[in-house]
N, C-alpha and C. Protein backbone atom coordinates (compact mmCIF):
# COMPACT_ATOMS: atom_id res chain seq x y z
N UNK A 1 21.66 276.84 52.12
CA UNK A 1 22.75 277.80 52.13
C UNK A 1 22.65 278.61 50.83
N UNK A 2 22.84 279.91 50.99
CA UNK A 2 22.74 280.74 49.79
C UNK A 2 24.04 280.71 48.98
N UNK A 3 23.94 281.25 47.79
CA UNK A 3 25.04 281.21 46.83
C UNK A 3 26.28 281.94 47.33
N UNK A 4 26.10 283.06 48.01
CA UNK A 4 27.24 283.86 48.48
C UNK A 4 28.01 283.10 49.56
N UNK A 5 27.31 282.52 50.53
CA UNK A 5 27.99 281.76 51.58
C UNK A 5 28.65 280.51 51.01
N UNK A 6 27.98 279.86 50.07
CA UNK A 6 28.56 278.67 49.44
C UNK A 6 29.86 279.04 48.70
N UNK A 7 29.87 280.18 48.03
CA UNK A 7 31.07 280.64 47.33
C UNK A 7 32.20 280.93 48.33
N UNK A 8 31.86 281.57 49.45
CA UNK A 8 32.86 281.84 50.49
C UNK A 8 33.43 280.55 51.03
N UNK A 9 32.56 279.58 51.29
CA UNK A 9 33.04 278.28 51.77
C UNK A 9 33.94 277.61 50.75
N UNK A 10 33.60 277.71 49.47
CA UNK A 10 34.44 277.10 48.44
C UNK A 10 35.81 277.76 48.41
N UNK A 11 35.86 279.07 48.56
CA UNK A 11 37.14 279.78 48.59
C UNK A 11 37.97 279.32 49.79
N UNK A 12 37.33 279.20 50.94
CA UNK A 12 38.04 278.73 52.14
C UNK A 12 38.50 277.28 51.97
N UNK A 13 37.65 276.48 51.36
CA UNK A 13 38.00 275.09 51.09
C UNK A 13 39.28 275.03 50.23
N UNK A 14 39.31 275.85 49.20
CA UNK A 14 40.48 275.86 48.30
C UNK A 14 41.74 276.29 49.04
N UNK A 15 41.64 277.28 49.91
CA UNK A 15 42.80 277.73 50.69
C UNK A 15 43.30 276.62 51.60
N UNK A 16 42.37 275.97 52.29
CA UNK A 16 42.76 274.89 53.21
C UNK A 16 43.33 273.71 52.43
N UNK A 17 42.76 273.40 51.28
CA UNK A 17 43.28 272.31 50.45
C UNK A 17 44.71 272.60 50.00
N UNK A 18 44.98 273.85 49.63
CA UNK A 18 46.34 274.24 49.24
C UNK A 18 47.30 274.10 50.43
N UNK A 19 46.85 274.54 51.59
CA UNK A 19 47.68 274.44 52.80
C UNK A 19 47.98 272.97 53.11
N UNK A 20 46.98 272.11 52.96
CA UNK A 20 47.17 270.68 53.21
C UNK A 20 48.19 270.10 52.23
N UNK A 21 48.07 270.48 50.96
CA UNK A 21 49.03 270.01 49.96
C UNK A 21 50.45 270.46 50.29
N UNK A 22 50.59 271.70 50.74
CA UNK A 22 51.91 272.20 51.12
C UNK A 22 52.46 271.45 52.33
N UNK A 23 51.59 271.18 53.30
CA UNK A 23 52.02 270.41 54.47
C UNK A 23 52.43 268.99 54.07
N UNK A 24 51.69 268.41 53.12
CA UNK A 24 52.07 267.08 52.62
C UNK A 24 53.49 267.09 52.07
N UNK A 25 53.81 268.11 51.31
CA UNK A 25 55.14 268.22 50.72
C UNK A 25 56.22 268.37 51.79
N UNK A 26 55.96 269.23 52.76
CA UNK A 26 56.93 269.45 53.84
C UNK A 26 57.11 268.17 54.64
N UNK A 27 55.99 267.49 54.93
CA UNK A 27 56.07 266.23 55.67
C UNK A 27 56.88 265.20 54.91
N UNK A 28 56.65 265.10 53.61
CA UNK A 28 57.39 264.15 52.79
C UNK A 28 58.88 264.47 52.79
N UNK A 29 59.22 265.75 52.68
CA UNK A 29 60.64 266.15 52.70
C UNK A 29 61.27 265.83 54.05
N UNK A 30 60.55 266.11 55.13
CA UNK A 30 61.09 265.83 56.47
C UNK A 30 61.22 264.32 56.68
N UNK A 31 60.26 263.56 56.17
CA UNK A 31 60.33 262.11 56.30
C UNK A 31 61.51 261.56 55.50
N UNK A 32 61.74 262.09 54.31
CA UNK A 32 62.90 261.69 53.52
C UNK A 32 64.19 262.01 54.26
N UNK A 33 64.25 263.21 54.85
CA UNK A 33 65.42 263.60 55.64
C UNK A 33 65.66 262.60 56.77
N UNK A 34 64.58 262.29 57.49
CA UNK A 34 64.68 261.36 58.62
C UNK A 34 65.15 259.99 58.15
N UNK A 35 64.59 259.51 57.05
CA UNK A 35 64.94 258.19 56.54
C UNK A 35 66.37 258.12 56.03
N UNK A 36 66.95 259.26 55.68
CA UNK A 36 68.32 259.29 55.17
C UNK A 36 69.37 259.55 56.25
N UNK A 37 68.92 259.67 57.49
CA UNK A 37 69.89 259.79 58.59
C UNK A 37 70.59 258.43 58.73
N UNK A 38 71.91 258.45 58.79
CA UNK A 38 72.64 257.18 58.89
C UNK A 38 72.15 256.33 60.06
N UNK A 39 72.23 255.03 59.87
CA UNK A 39 71.72 254.08 60.85
C UNK A 39 72.32 254.30 62.24
N UNK A 40 73.60 254.64 62.29
CA UNK A 40 74.25 254.82 63.59
C UNK A 40 73.76 256.08 64.32
N UNK A 41 73.00 256.96 63.63
CA UNK A 41 72.48 258.17 64.26
C UNK A 41 70.96 258.11 64.46
N UNK A 42 70.38 256.94 64.20
CA UNK A 42 68.93 256.86 64.27
C UNK A 42 68.37 256.93 65.69
N UNK A 43 69.18 256.85 66.68
CA UNK A 43 68.72 257.04 68.06
C UNK A 43 69.09 258.42 68.57
N UNK A 44 69.63 259.25 67.70
CA UNK A 44 70.14 260.55 68.12
C UNK A 44 69.01 261.57 68.29
N UNK A 45 69.38 262.68 68.91
CA UNK A 45 68.42 263.77 69.10
C UNK A 45 67.94 264.31 67.75
N UNK A 46 68.82 264.40 66.81
CA UNK A 46 68.47 264.89 65.48
C UNK A 46 67.39 264.02 64.84
N UNK A 47 67.53 262.71 64.97
CA UNK A 47 66.55 261.78 64.43
C UNK A 47 65.21 261.94 65.15
N UNK A 48 65.26 262.03 66.47
CA UNK A 48 64.04 262.16 67.26
C UNK A 48 63.30 263.46 66.96
N UNK A 49 64.04 264.53 66.72
CA UNK A 49 63.42 265.81 66.35
C UNK A 49 62.73 265.69 65.00
N UNK A 50 63.39 265.05 64.04
CA UNK A 50 62.78 264.85 62.72
C UNK A 50 61.55 263.97 62.83
N UNK A 51 61.62 262.93 63.64
CA UNK A 51 60.48 262.04 63.81
C UNK A 51 59.30 262.77 64.46
N UNK A 52 59.58 263.60 65.45
CA UNK A 52 58.52 264.38 66.10
C UNK A 52 57.90 265.37 65.11
N UNK A 53 58.72 265.95 64.26
CA UNK A 53 58.22 266.89 63.25
C UNK A 53 57.29 266.18 62.28
N UNK A 54 57.67 264.99 61.83
CA UNK A 54 56.83 264.22 60.91
C UNK A 54 55.50 263.89 61.58
N UNK A 55 55.55 263.47 62.83
CA UNK A 55 54.32 263.14 63.56
C UNK A 55 53.42 264.37 63.70
N UNK A 56 54.00 265.52 64.02
CA UNK A 56 53.22 266.75 64.18
C UNK A 56 52.60 267.18 62.85
N UNK A 57 53.36 267.05 61.78
CA UNK A 57 52.84 267.41 60.46
C UNK A 57 51.72 266.47 60.04
N UNK A 58 51.84 265.18 60.35
CA UNK A 58 50.77 264.24 60.05
C UNK A 58 49.50 264.59 60.82
N UNK A 59 49.66 265.02 62.05
CA UNK A 59 48.51 265.44 62.86
C UNK A 59 47.85 266.67 62.26
N UNK A 60 48.66 267.63 61.83
CA UNK A 60 48.13 268.85 61.20
C UNK A 60 47.39 268.51 59.90
N UNK A 61 47.96 267.62 59.11
CA UNK A 61 47.34 267.21 57.85
C UNK A 61 45.99 266.55 58.14
N UNK A 62 45.97 265.70 59.12
CA UNK A 62 44.72 265.03 59.50
C UNK A 62 43.66 266.04 59.92
N UNK A 63 44.06 267.04 60.69
CA UNK A 63 43.12 268.08 61.12
C UNK A 63 42.57 268.86 59.92
N UNK A 64 43.43 269.17 58.97
CA UNK A 64 42.96 269.88 57.78
C UNK A 64 42.03 269.01 56.94
N UNK A 65 42.31 267.72 56.86
CA UNK A 65 41.41 266.82 56.14
C UNK A 65 40.03 266.79 56.79
N UNK A 66 40.00 266.79 58.13
CA UNK A 66 38.72 266.83 58.83
C UNK A 66 37.99 268.15 58.56
N UNK A 67 38.73 269.25 58.53
CA UNK A 67 38.13 270.55 58.24
C UNK A 67 37.54 270.55 56.83
N UNK A 68 38.27 269.98 55.88
CA UNK A 68 37.78 269.92 54.50
C UNK A 68 36.50 269.09 54.41
N UNK A 69 36.48 267.96 55.12
CA UNK A 69 35.28 267.13 55.14
C UNK A 69 34.09 267.90 55.72
N UNK A 70 34.33 268.64 56.78
CA UNK A 70 33.26 269.40 57.41
C UNK A 70 32.74 270.52 56.50
N UNK A 71 33.65 271.17 55.79
CA UNK A 71 33.23 272.23 54.86
C UNK A 71 32.41 271.62 53.73
N UNK A 72 32.86 270.47 53.21
CA UNK A 72 32.09 269.80 52.16
C UNK A 72 30.68 269.49 52.64
N UNK A 73 30.59 268.99 53.86
CA UNK A 73 29.29 268.66 54.43
C UNK A 73 28.41 269.90 54.55
N UNK A 74 29.00 271.00 54.96
CA UNK A 74 28.25 272.25 55.11
C UNK A 74 27.75 272.77 53.78
N UNK A 75 28.48 272.53 52.72
CA UNK A 75 28.11 273.05 51.40
C UNK A 75 27.00 272.23 50.73
N UNK A 76 26.70 271.05 51.25
CA UNK A 76 25.68 270.21 50.62
C UNK A 76 24.30 270.74 50.86
């Protein structure tokens, strides 16, 4: 791989890494919100929506981690 393409991949890697970090923060905030829902509301729709959001964010984070791994592999 030439220097120009490697530089482009590094820039994309950095963007995706930043996005992953931001998603981590949002997931943590949503998880904290979910965990602070009173026990008597833990079966409620509000709780289930928060739980689904955390699961979706974890899936997105996992996908970005796979993308980062693939970019690293391509740059070698």
